[in-house]
Amino acid sequence: MWLFCQTLKEYMLFVERVRLHAKTMTVGAAVHRAVTECIREGILSDFLSQNRVEVIAVSIFEYDEERELALMRKAIASEARKEGNNEGREDEIKSLIRTKLRKGKSIPQIADELERDETTIKALIQGMGDEVE
């Protein structure tokens, strides 16, 4: 059990090293440097020495995949926020339209006050259906 924990600890040190170097260099260069440093410092040295080429190839692939997934998650979250903001703005405009219609204002007046064109206001009113009454 001790050997497994030690190996896991050393693997974590290797991954931390790759991440640290990847902040200032390409992923490939970061992995090469981390492998060289770990071998020199006795971190997974036997394994890394015997399997250097495979470790580098797999590490670059996994790190790039991890980075791509993180970028994808970030883009999806950003798009969801934009969509939520747009829906919130549209709900707010619909609420204002409802209020102005109840006050007896015309579509041209509402469009002018909300700084929107009449076609947009008409489309929003039609989309609101029974909510207007």
C-alpha atoms as a PDB file:
ATOM      1  CA  MET A   1       0.000   0.000   0.000  1.00  0.00           C
ATOM      2  CA  TRP A   2       2.861   2.408   0.787  1.00  0.00           C
ATOM      3  CA  LEU A   3       4.316   1.916  -2.708  1.00  0.00           C
ATOM      4  CA  PHE A   4       0.953   2.728  -4.318  1.00  0.00           C
ATOM      5  CA  CYS A   5       0.576   5.932  -2.256  1.00  0.00           C
ATOM      6  CA  GLN A   6       4.140   6.958  -3.071  1.00  0.00           C
ATOM      7  CA  THR A   7       3.571   6.346  -6.779  1.00  0.00           C
ATOM      8  CA  LEU A   8       0.341   8.331  -6.700  1.00  0.00           C
ATOM      9  CA  LYS A   9       2.077  11.178  -4.874  1.00  0.00           C
ATOM     10  CA  GLU A  10       4.880  11.215  -7.438  1.00  0.00           C
ATOM     11  CA  TYR A  11       2.388  11.153 -10.305  1.00  0.00           C
ATOM     12  CA  MET A  12       0.647  14.184  -8.789  1.00  0.00           C
ATOM     13  CA  LEU A  13       4.012  15.964  -8.571  1.00  0.00           C
ATOM     14  CA  PHE A  14       4.620  15.199 -12.246  1.00  0.00           C
ATOM     15  CA  VAL A  15       1.181  16.556 -13.259  1.00  0.00           C
ATOM     16  CA  GLU A  16       1.688  19.697 -11.148  1.00  0.00           C
ATOM     17  CA  ARG A  17       5.022  20.217 -12.861  1.00  0.00           C
ATOM     18  CA  VAL A  18       3.426  19.921 -16.314  1.00  0.00           C
ATOM     19  CA  ARG A  19       0.701  22.406 -15.378  1.00  0.00           C
ATOM     20  CA  LEU A  20       3.210  24.848 -13.949  1.00  0.00           C
ATOM     21  CA  HIS A  21       5.370  24.798 -17.069  1.00  0.00           C
ATOM     22  CA  ALA A  22       2.347  24.911 -19.398  1.00  0.00           C
ATOM     23  CA  LYS A  23       1.586  28.398 -18.079  1.00  0.00           C
ATOM     24  CA  THR A  24       4.711  29.751 -19.763  1.00  0.00           C
ATOM     25  CA  MET A  25       5.390  27.359 -22.656  1.00  0.00           C
ATOM     26  CA  THR A  26       3.690  25.030 -25.105  1.00  0.00           C
ATOM     27  CA  VAL A  27       2.175  21.847 -23.733  1.00  0.00           C
ATOM     28  CA  GLY A  28       4.737  19.721 -25.557  1.00  0.00           C
ATOM     29  CA  ALA A  29       7.674  21.694 -24.145  1.00  0.00           C
ATOM     30  CA  ALA A  30       6.095  21.655 -20.682  1.00  0.00           C
ATOM     31  CA  VAL A  31       5.730  17.864 -20.722  1.00  0.00           C
ATOM     32  CA  HIS A  32       9.291  17.337 -21.994  1.00  0.00           C
ATOM     33  CA  ARG A  33      10.658  19.617 -19.295  1.00  0.00           C
ATOM     34  CA  ALA A  34       8.566  17.995 -16.537  1.00  0.00           C
ATOM     35  CA  VAL A  35       9.718  14.509 -17.564  1.00  0.00           C
ATOM     36  CA  THR A  36      13.374  15.576 -17.582  1.00  0.00           C
ATOM     37  CA  GLU A  37      13.103  17.325 -14.201  1.00  0.00           C
ATOM     38  CA  CYS A  38      11.246  14.427 -12.586  1.00  0.00           C
ATOM     39  CA  ILE A  39      13.793  11.882 -13.785  1.00  0.00           C
ATOM     40  CA  ARG A  40      16.619  14.078 -12.467  1.00  0.00           C
ATOM     41  CA  GLU A  41      14.853  14.535  -9.103  1.00  0.00           C
ATOM     42  CA  GLY A  42      13.886  10.872  -8.642  1.00  0.00           C
ATOM     43  CA  ILE A  43      10.162  11.399  -9.217  1.00  0.00           C
ATOM     44  CA  LEU A  44       8.845   8.358 -11.113  1.00  0.00           C
ATOM     45  CA  SER A  45      12.358   8.206 -12.528  1.00  0.00           C
ATOM     46  CA  ASP A  46      12.442   4.478 -13.438  1.00  0.00           C
ATOM     47  CA  PHE A  47       9.049   4.581 -15.110  1.00  0.00           C
ATOM     48  CA  LEU A  48       9.684   7.867 -16.918  1.00  0.00           C
ATOM     49  CA  SER A  49      13.126   6.733 -18.096  1.00  0.00           C
ATOM     50  CA  GLN A  50      11.812   3.456 -19.497  1.00  0.00           C
ATOM     51  CA  ASN A  51       8.642   4.906 -21.032  1.00  0.00           C
ATOM     52  CA  ARG A  52       9.677   8.468 -21.866  1.00  0.00           C
ATOM     53  CA  VAL A  53       8.282   8.598 -25.426  1.00  0.00           C
ATOM     54  CA  GLU A  54       4.923   7.065 -24.500  1.00  0.00           C
ATOM     55  CA  VAL A  55       4.567   9.212 -21.380  1.00  0.00           C
ATOM     56  CA  ILE A  56       5.214  12.372 -23.362  1.00  0.00           C
ATOM     57  CA  ALA A  57       2.753  11.437 -26.120  1.00  0.00           C
ATOM     58  CA  VAL A  58      -0.019  10.457 -23.700  1.00  0.00           C
ATOM     59  CA  SER A  59       0.579  13.433 -21.417  1.00  0.00           C
ATOM     60  CA  ILE A  60       0.379  15.897 -24.295  1.00  0.00           C
ATOM     61  CA  PHE A  61      -2.817  14.286 -25.573  1.00  0.00           C
ATOM     62  CA  GLU A  62      -4.454  14.193 -22.133  1.00  0.00           C
ATOM     63  CA  TYR A  63      -3.412  17.729 -21.248  1.00  0.00           C
ATOM     64  CA  ASP A  64      -4.692  19.092 -24.566  1.00  0.00           C
ATOM     65  CA  GLU A  65      -7.940  17.160 -24.132  1.00  0.00           C
ATOM     66  CA  GLU A  66      -8.326  18.508 -20.582  1.00  0.00           C
ATOM     67  CA  ARG A  67      -7.672  22.036 -21.823  1.00  0.00           C
ATOM     68  CA  GLU A  68     -10.109  21.657 -24.723  1.00  0.00           C
ATOM     69  CA  LEU A  69     -12.813  20.376 -22.376  1.00  0.00           C
ATOM     70  CA  ALA A  70     -12.223  23.306 -20.030  1.00  0.00           C
ATOM     71  CA  LEU A  71     -12.453  25.760 -22.934  1.00  0.00           C
ATOM     72  CA  MET A  72     -15.627  24.062 -24.136  1.00  0.00           C
ATOM     73  CA  ARG A  73     -17.211  24.234 -20.666  1.00  0.00           C
ATOM     74  CA  LYS A  74     -16.262  27.908 -20.428  1.00  0.00           C
ATOM     75  CA  ALA A  75     -17.787  28.676 -23.839  1.00  0.00           C
ATOM     76  CA  ILE A  76     -20.996  26.811 -22.974  1.00  0.00           C
ATOM     77  CA  ALA A  77     -21.296  28.658 -19.665  1.00  0.00           C
ATOM     78  CA  SER A  78     -20.716  31.986 -21.386  1.00  0.00           C
ATOM     79  CA  GLU A  79     -23.356  31.218 -24.010  1.00  0.00           C
ATOM     80  CA  ALA A  80     -25.814  30.162 -21.307  1.00  0.00           C
ATOM     81  CA  ARG A  81     -25.227  33.439 -19.450  1.00  0.00           C
ATOM     82  CA  LYS A  82     -25.795  35.435 -22.648  1.00  0.00           C
ATOM     83  CA  GLU A  83     -28.944  33.487 -23.380  1.00  0.00           C
ATOM     84  CA  GLY A  84     -30.183  34.015 -19.832  1.00  0.00           C
ATOM     85  CA  ASN A  85     -29.420  37.737 -20.028  1.00  0.00           C
ATOM     86  CA  ASN A  86     -31.241  38.010 -23.364  1.00  0.00           C
ATOM     87  CA  GLU A  87     -34.255  36.168 -21.981  1.00  0.00           C
ATOM     88  CA  GLY A  88     -34.212  38.432 -18.936  1.00  0.00           C
ATOM     89  CA  ARG A  89     -34.108  41.547 -21.108  1.00  0.00           C
ATOM     90  CA  GLU A  90     -36.927  40.252 -23.295  1.00  0.00           C
ATOM     91  CA  ASP A  91     -39.027  39.460 -20.204  1.00  0.00           C
ATOM     92  CA  GLU A  92     -38.381  42.970 -18.899  1.00  0.00           C
ATOM     93  CA  ILE A  93     -39.409  44.545 -22.219  1.00  0.00           C
ATOM     94  CA  LYS A  94     -42.560  42.409 -22.318  1.00  0.00           C
ATOM     95  CA  SER A  95     -43.409  43.525 -18.810  1.00  0.00           C
ATOM     96  CA  LEU A  96     -42.968  47.164 -19.818  1.00  0.00           C
ATOM     97  CA  ILE A  97     -45.112  46.625 -22.911  1.00  0.00           C
ATOM     98  CA  ARG A  98     -47.860  45.025 -20.784  1.00  0.00           C
ATOM     99  CA  THR A  99     -47.814  47.982 -18.394  1.00  0.00           C
ATOM    100  CA  LYS A 100     -47.914  50.532 -21.205  1.00  0.00           C
ATOM    101  CA  LEU A 101     -50.756  48.710 -23.000  1.00  0.00           C
ATOM    102  CA  ARG A 102     -52.773  48.702 -19.757  1.00  0.00           C
ATOM    103  CA  LYS A 103     -52.256  52.447 -19.594  1.00  0.00           C
ATOM    104  CA  GLY A 104     -53.797  52.710 -23.071  1.00  0.00           C
ATOM    105  CA  LYS A 105     -50.640  53.595 -24.940  1.00  0.00           C
ATOM    106  CA  SER A 106     -50.431  52.880 -28.674  1.00  0.00           C
ATOM    107  CA  ILE A 107     -47.818  50.712 -30.370  1.00  0.00           C
ATOM    108  CA  PRO A 108     -46.036  53.768 -31.862  1.00  0.00           C
ATOM    109  CA  GLN A 109     -45.910  55.398 -28.393  1.00  0.00           C
ATOM    110  CA  ILE A 110     -44.571  52.207 -26.794  1.00  0.00           C
ATOM    111  CA  ALA A 111     -41.978  51.793 -29.544  1.00  0.00           C
ATOM    112  CA  ASP A 112     -40.846  55.374 -29.072  1.00  0.00           C
ATOM    113  CA  GLU A 113     -40.650  55.127 -25.264  1.00  0.00           C
ATOM    114  CA  LEU A 114     -38.781  51.803 -25.356  1.00  0.00           C
ATOM    115  CA  GLU A 115     -36.567  52.954 -28.233  1.00  0.00           C
ATOM    116  CA  ARG A 116     -37.544  49.973 -30.369  1.00  0.00           C
ATOM    117  CA  ASP A 117     -39.103  49.806 -33.806  1.00  0.00           C
ATOM    118  CA  GLU A 118     -42.836  49.216 -34.124  1.00  0.00           C
ATOM    119  CA  THR A 119     -42.336  45.871 -35.896  1.00  0.00           C
ATOM    120  CA  THR A 120     -40.399  44.523 -32.911  1.00  0.00           C
ATOM    121  CA  ILE A 121     -43.040  45.728 -30.466  1.00  0.00           C
ATOM    122  CA  LYS A 122     -45.844  44.163 -32.571  1.00  0.00           C
ATOM    123  CA  ALA A 123     -43.961  40.861 -32.754  1.00  0.00           C
ATOM    124  CA  LEU A 124     -43.404  40.826 -28.986  1.00  0.00           C
ATOM    125  CA  ILE A 125     -47.087  41.585 -28.359  1.00  0.00           C
ATOM    126  CA  GLN A 126     -48.147  38.777 -30.704  1.00  0.00           C
ATOM    127  CA  GLY A 127     -45.732  36.411 -28.948  1.00  0.00           C
ATOM    128  CA  MET A 128     -47.235  37.330 -25.595  1.00  0.00           C
ATOM    129  CA  GLY A 129     -50.708  36.117 -26.698  1.00  0.00           C
ATOM    130  CA  ASP A 130     -53.146  36.035 -23.774  1.00  0.00           C
ATOM    131  CA  GLU A 131     -50.582  37.599 -21.409  1.00  0.00           C
ATOM    132  CA  VAL A 132     -51.418  41.042 -22.803  1.00  0.00           C
ATOM    133  CA  GLU A 133     -54.954  41.098 -21.459  1.00  0.00           C
END
